[in-house]
């Protein structure tokens, strides 16, 4: 029986939450001009900790 797997690896959730919170805070306080580099970092962290389905 196949169990559903999360899209993001469990080990990456603290990093993703931290980067996401900082990004949203800077976006709220400074606007898009200051936060766009952090959005790129957020997307990188999201991609780094993805947990794709493996086919054997």
PDB file of N, CA and C in Angstrom:
ATOM      1  N   UNK A   1       0.844  -1.177   0.000  1.00  0.00           N
ATOM      2  CA  UNK A   1       0.000   0.000   0.000  1.00  0.00           C
ATOM      3  C   UNK A   1       0.891   1.243   0.000  1.00  0.00           C
ATOM      4  N   UNK A   2       0.597   2.160  -0.893  1.00  0.00           N
ATOM      5  CA  UNK A   2       1.365   3.402  -0.995  1.00  0.00           C
ATOM      6  C   UNK A   2       0.738   4.464  -0.089  1.00  0.00           C
ATOM      7  N   UNK A   3       1.561   5.048   0.758  1.00  0.00           N
ATOM      8  CA  UNK A   3       1.111   6.134   1.618  1.00  0.00           C
ATOM      9  C   UNK A   3       1.505   7.450   0.967  1.00  0.00           C
ATOM     10  N   UNK A   4       0.661   8.451   1.095  1.00  0.00           N
ATOM     11  CA  UNK A   4       1.023   9.752   0.508  1.00  0.00           C
ATOM     12  C   UNK A   4       2.256  10.329   1.203  1.00  0.00           C
ATOM     13  N   UNK A   5       3.131  10.889   0.407  1.00  0.00           N
ATOM     14  CA  UNK A   5       4.366  11.471   0.935  1.00  0.00           C
ATOM     15  C   UNK A   5       4.269  12.981   0.859  1.00  0.00           C
ATOM     16  N   UNK A   6       4.895  13.665   1.795  1.00  0.00           N
ATOM     17  CA  UNK A   6       4.883  15.135   1.723  1.00  0.00           C
ATOM     18  C   UNK A   6       5.740  15.627   0.557  1.00  0.00           C
ATOM     19  N   UNK A   7       5.404  16.786   0.069  1.00  0.00           N
ATOM     20  CA  UNK A   7       6.156  17.369  -1.043  1.00  0.00           C
ATOM     21  C   UNK A   7       7.496  17.903  -0.555  1.00  0.00           C
ATOM     22  N   UNK A   8       7.534  18.421   0.662  1.00  0.00           N
ATOM     23  CA  UNK A   8       8.745  18.995   1.248  1.00  0.00           C
ATOM     24  C   UNK A   8       9.274  18.035   2.310  1.00  0.00           C
ATOM     25  N   UNK A   9      10.586  17.812   2.305  1.00  0.00           N
ATOM     26  CA  UNK A   9      11.205  16.944   3.307  1.00  0.00           C
ATOM     27  C   UNK A   9      11.031  17.549   4.697  1.00  0.00           C
ATOM     28  N   UNK A  10      10.765  16.707   5.665  1.00  0.00           N
ATOM     29  CA  UNK A  10      10.508  17.154   7.040  1.00  0.00           C
ATOM     30  C   UNK A  10      11.703  17.925   7.608  1.00  0.00           C
ATOM     31  N   UNK A  11      12.906  17.543   7.235  1.00  0.00           N
ATOM     32  CA  UNK A  11      14.106  18.203   7.762  1.00  0.00           C
ATOM     33  C   UNK A  11      14.220  19.648   7.302  1.00  0.00           C
ATOM     34  N   UNK A  12      13.595  19.987   6.193  1.00  0.00           N
ATOM     35  CA  UNK A  12      13.700  21.337   5.659  1.00  0.00           C
ATOM     36  C   UNK A  12      12.656  22.312   6.161  1.00  0.00           C
ATOM     37  N   UNK A  13      11.667  21.821   6.882  1.00  0.00           N
ATOM     38  CA  UNK A  13      10.586  22.708   7.327  1.00  0.00           C
ATOM     39  C   UNK A  13      11.048  23.855   8.223  1.00  0.00           C
ATOM     40  N   UNK A  14      11.965  23.637   9.189  1.00  0.00           N
ATOM     41  CA  UNK A  14      12.411  24.790   9.994  1.00  0.00           C
ATOM     42  C   UNK A  14      13.113  25.861   9.159  1.00  0.00           C
ATOM     43  N   UNK A  15      13.937  25.437   8.210  1.00  0.00           N
ATOM     44  CA  UNK A  15      14.636  26.400   7.353  1.00  0.00           C
ATOM     45  C   UNK A  15      13.645  27.146   6.469  1.00  0.00           C
ATOM     46  N   UNK A  16      12.692  26.412   5.930  1.00  0.00           N
ATOM     47  CA  UNK A  16      11.695  27.029   5.075  1.00  0.00           C
ATOM     48  C   UNK A  16      10.833  28.020   5.856  1.00  0.00           C
ATOM     49  N   UNK A  17      10.472  27.665   7.076  1.00  0.00           N
ATOM     50  CA  UNK A  17       9.671  28.568   7.910  1.00  0.00           C
ATOM     51  C   UNK A  17      10.454  29.832   8.262  1.00  0.00           C
ATOM     52  N   UNK A  18      11.727  29.675   8.599  1.00  0.00           N
ATOM     53  CA  UNK A  18      12.550  30.831   8.960  1.00  0.00           C
ATOM     54  C   UNK A  18      12.733  31.776   7.776  1.00  0.00           C
ATOM     55  N   UNK A  19      13.127  31.229   6.634  1.00  0.00           N
ATOM     56  CA  UNK A  19      13.337  32.066   5.451  1.00  0.00           C
ATOM     57  C   UNK A  19      12.016  32.692   5.007  1.00  0.00           C
ATOM     58  N   UNK A  20      10.933  31.934   5.080  1.00  0.00           N
ATOM     59  CA  UNK A  20       9.628  32.467   4.696  1.00  0.00           C
ATOM     60  C   UNK A  20       9.178  33.599   5.603  1.00  0.00           C
ATOM     61  N   UNK A  21       9.375  33.443   6.907  1.00  0.00           N
ATOM     62  CA  UNK A  21       8.976  34.491   7.851  1.00  0.00           C
ATOM     63  C   UNK A  21       9.792  35.765   7.644  1.00  0.00           C
ATOM     64  N   UNK A  22      11.096  35.621   7.469  1.00  0.00           N
ATOM     65  CA  UNK A  22      11.950  36.794   7.239  1.00  0.00           C
ATOM     66  C   UNK A  22      11.572  37.468   5.925  1.00  0.00           C
ATOM     67  N   UNK A  23      11.320  36.673   4.899  1.00  0.00           N
ATOM     68  CA  UNK A  23      10.946  37.225   3.599  1.00  0.00           C
ATOM     69  C   UNK A  23       9.637  38.000   3.684  1.00  0.00           C
ATOM     70  N   UNK A  24       8.646  37.428   4.342  1.00  0.00           N
ATOM     71  CA  UNK A  24       7.365  38.125   4.472  1.00  0.00           C
ATOM     72  C   UNK A  24       7.487  39.387   5.317  1.00  0.00           C
ATOM     73  N   UNK A  25       8.300  39.346   6.359  1.00  0.00           N
ATOM     74  CA  UNK A  25       8.500  40.525   7.198  1.00  0.00           C
ATOM     75  C   UNK A  25       9.168  41.652   6.414  1.00  0.00           C
ATOM     76  N   UNK A  26      10.219  41.326   5.677  1.00  0.00           N
ATOM     77  CA  UNK A  26      10.910  42.342   4.876  1.00  0.00           C
ATOM     78  C   UNK A  26       9.990  42.851   3.769  1.00  0.00           C
ATOM     79  N   UNK A  27       9.209  41.964   3.185  1.00  0.00           N
ATOM     80  CA  UNK A  27       8.275  42.385   2.137  1.00  0.00           C
ATOM     81  C   UNK A  27       7.232  43.348   2.702  1.00  0.00           C
ATOM     82  N   UNK A  28       6.752  43.057   3.900  1.00  0.00           N
ATOM     83  CA  UNK A  28       5.751  43.919   4.539  1.00  0.00           C
ATOM     84  C   UNK A  28       6.350  45.271   4.927  1.00  0.00           C
ATOM     85  N   UNK A  29       7.547  45.257   5.494  1.00  0.00           N
ATOM     86  CA  UNK A  29       8.151  46.496   5.991  1.00  0.00           C
ATOM     87  C   UNK A  29       8.850  47.310   4.903  1.00  0.00           C
ATOM     88  N   UNK A  30       9.485  46.629   3.936  1.00  0.00           N
ATOM     89  CA  UNK A  30      10.292  47.345   2.967  1.00  0.00           C
ATOM     90  C   UNK A  30       9.775  47.336   1.550  1.00  0.00           C
ATOM     91  N   UNK A  31       8.800  46.502   1.276  1.00  0.00           N
ATOM     92  CA  UNK A  31       8.264  46.437  -0.077  1.00  0.00           C
ATOM     93  C   UNK A  31       9.030  45.452  -0.943  1.00  0.00           C
ATOM     94  N   UNK A  32       8.571  45.354  -2.170  1.00  0.00           N
ATOM     95  CA  UNK A  32       9.127  44.370  -3.099  1.00  0.00           C
ATOM     96  C   UNK A  32      10.569  44.694  -3.480  1.00  0.00           C
ATOM     97  N   UNK A  33      10.924  45.966  -3.478  1.00  0.00           N
ATOM     98  CA  UNK A  33      12.283  46.347  -3.871  1.00  0.00           C
ATOM     99  C   UNK A  33      13.329  45.750  -2.936  1.00  0.00           C
ATOM    100  N   UNK A  34      13.018  45.636  -1.659  1.00  0.00           N
ATOM    101  CA  UNK A  34      13.964  45.077  -0.695  1.00  0.00           C
ATOM    102  C   UNK A  34      13.815  43.571  -0.544  1.00  0.00           C
ATOM    103  N   UNK A  35      12.660  43.043  -0.894  1.00  0.00           N
ATOM    104  CA  UNK A  35      12.422  41.629  -0.602  1.00  0.00           C
ATOM    105  C   UNK A  35      12.651  40.690  -1.776  1.00  0.00           C
ATOM    106  N   UNK A  36      12.830  41.178  -2.989  1.00  0.00           N
ATOM    107  CA  UNK A  36      12.960  40.250  -4.113  1.00  0.00           C
ATOM    108  C   UNK A  36      14.161  39.325  -3.991  1.00  0.00           C
ATOM    109  N   UNK A  37      15.328  39.754  -3.462  1.00  0.00           N
ATOM    110  CA  UNK A  37      16.411  38.771  -3.281  1.00  0.00           C
ATOM    111  C   UNK A  37      16.030  37.672  -2.287  1.00  0.00           C
ATOM    112  N   UNK A  38      15.256  38.028  -1.272  1.00  0.00           N
ATOM    113  CA  UNK A  38      14.825  37.027  -0.298  1.00  0.00           C
ATOM    114  C   UNK A  38      13.812  36.064  -0.898  1.00  0.00           C
ATOM    115  N   UNK A  39      12.989  36.525  -1.822  1.00  0.00           N
ATOM    116  CA  UNK A  39      12.066  35.614  -2.506  1.00  0.00           C
ATOM    117  C   UNK A  39      12.844  34.591  -3.325  1.00  0.00           C
ATOM    118  N   UNK A  40      13.930  35.020  -3.945  1.00  0.00           N
ATOM    119  CA  UNK A  40      14.768  34.086  -4.710  1.00  0.00           C
ATOM    120  C   UNK A  40      15.386  33.058  -3.777  1.00  0.00           C
ATOM    121  N   UNK A  41      15.872  33.495  -2.621  1.00  0.00           N
ATOM    122  CA  UNK A  41      16.434  32.567  -1.632  1.00  0.00           C
ATOM    123  C   UNK A  41      15.351  31.618  -1.131  1.00  0.00           C
ATOM    124  N   UNK A  42      14.144  32.126  -0.892  1.00  0.00           N
ATOM    125  CA  UNK A  42      13.033  31.281  -0.445  1.00  0.00           C
ATOM    126  C   UNK A  42      12.727  30.194  -1.470  1.00  0.00           C
ATOM    127  N   UNK A  43      12.690  30.555  -2.737  1.00  0.00           N
ATOM    128  CA  UNK A  43      12.430  29.571  -3.790  1.00  0.00           C
ATOM    129  C   UNK A  43      13.560  28.554  -3.863  1.00  0.00           C
ATOM    130  N   UNK A  44      14.810  28.994  -3.688  1.00  0.00           N
ATOM    131  CA  UNK A  44      15.936  28.064  -3.676  1.00  0.00           C
ATOM    132  C   UNK A  44      15.809  27.066  -2.528  1.00  0.00           C
ATOM    133  N   UNK A  45      15.484  27.541  -1.326  1.00  0.00           N
ATOM    134  CA  UNK A  45      15.333  26.647  -0.168  1.00  0.00           C
ATOM    135  C   UNK A  45      14.180  25.677  -0.411  1.00  0.00           C
ATOM    136  N   UNK A  46      13.100  26.160  -0.985  1.00  0.00           N
ATOM    137  CA  UNK A  46      11.966  25.302  -1.307  1.00  0.00           C
ATOM    138  C   UNK A  46      12.377  24.204  -2.284  1.00  0.00           C
ATOM    139  N   UNK A  47      13.131  24.556  -3.300  1.00  0.00           N
ATOM    140  CA  UNK A  47      13.602  23.580  -4.284  1.00  0.00           C
ATOM    141  C   UNK A  47      14.621  22.624  -3.669  1.00  0.00           C
ATOM    142  N   UNK A  48      15.476  23.122  -2.792  1.00  0.00           N
ATOM    143  CA  UNK A  48      16.528  22.304  -2.194  1.00  0.00           C
ATOM    144  C   UNK A  48      15.952  21.197  -1.318  1.00  0.00           C
ATOM    145  N   UNK A  49      14.886  21.490  -0.591  1.00  0.00           N
ATOM    146  CA  UNK A  49      14.319  20.523   0.341  1.00  0.00           C
ATOM    147  C   UNK A  49      13.091  19.797  -0.211  1.00  0.00           C
ATOM    148  N   UNK A  50      12.898  19.821  -1.509  1.00  0.00           N
ATOM    149  CA  UNK A  50      11.762  19.077  -2.054  1.00  0.00           C
ATOM    150  C   UNK A  50      12.034  17.586  -1.908  1.00  0.00           C
ATOM    151  N   UNK A  51      10.982  16.818  -1.881  1.00  0.00           N
ATOM    152  CA  UNK A  51      11.090  15.373  -1.676  1.00  0.00           C
ATOM    153  C   UNK A  51      10.359  14.676  -2.821  1.00  0.00           C
ATOM    154  N   UNK A  52      11.023  14.531  -3.978  1.00  0.00           N
ATOM    155  CA  UNK A  52      10.332  13.971  -5.139  1.00  0.00           C
ATOM    156  C   UNK A  52      10.064  12.475  -4.976  1.00  0.00           C
ATOM    157  N   UNK A  53       9.093  12.006  -5.728  1.00  0.00           N
ATOM    158  CA  UNK A  53       8.801  10.580  -5.735  1.00  0.00           C
ATOM    159  C   UNK A  53       9.927   9.862  -6.465  1.00  0.00           C
ATOM    160  N   UNK A  54      10.408   8.798  -5.870  1.00  0.00           N
ATOM    161  CA  UNK A  54      11.494   8.026  -6.472  1.00  0.00           C
ATOM    162  C   UNK A  54      10.924   6.765  -7.099  1.00  0.00           C
ATOM    163  N   UNK A  55      11.367   6.498  -8.298  1.00  0.00           N
ATOM    164  CA  UNK A  55      10.910   5.310  -9.012  1.00  0.00           C
ATOM    165  C   UNK A  55      12.078   4.345  -9.099  1.00  0.00           C
ATOM    166  N   UNK A  56      11.887   3.155  -8.561  1.00  0.00           N
ATOM    167  CA  UNK A  56      12.978   2.173  -8.538  1.00  0.00           C
ATOM    168  C   UNK A  56      12.879   1.218  -9.691  1.00  0.00           C
TER     169      UNK A  56
END
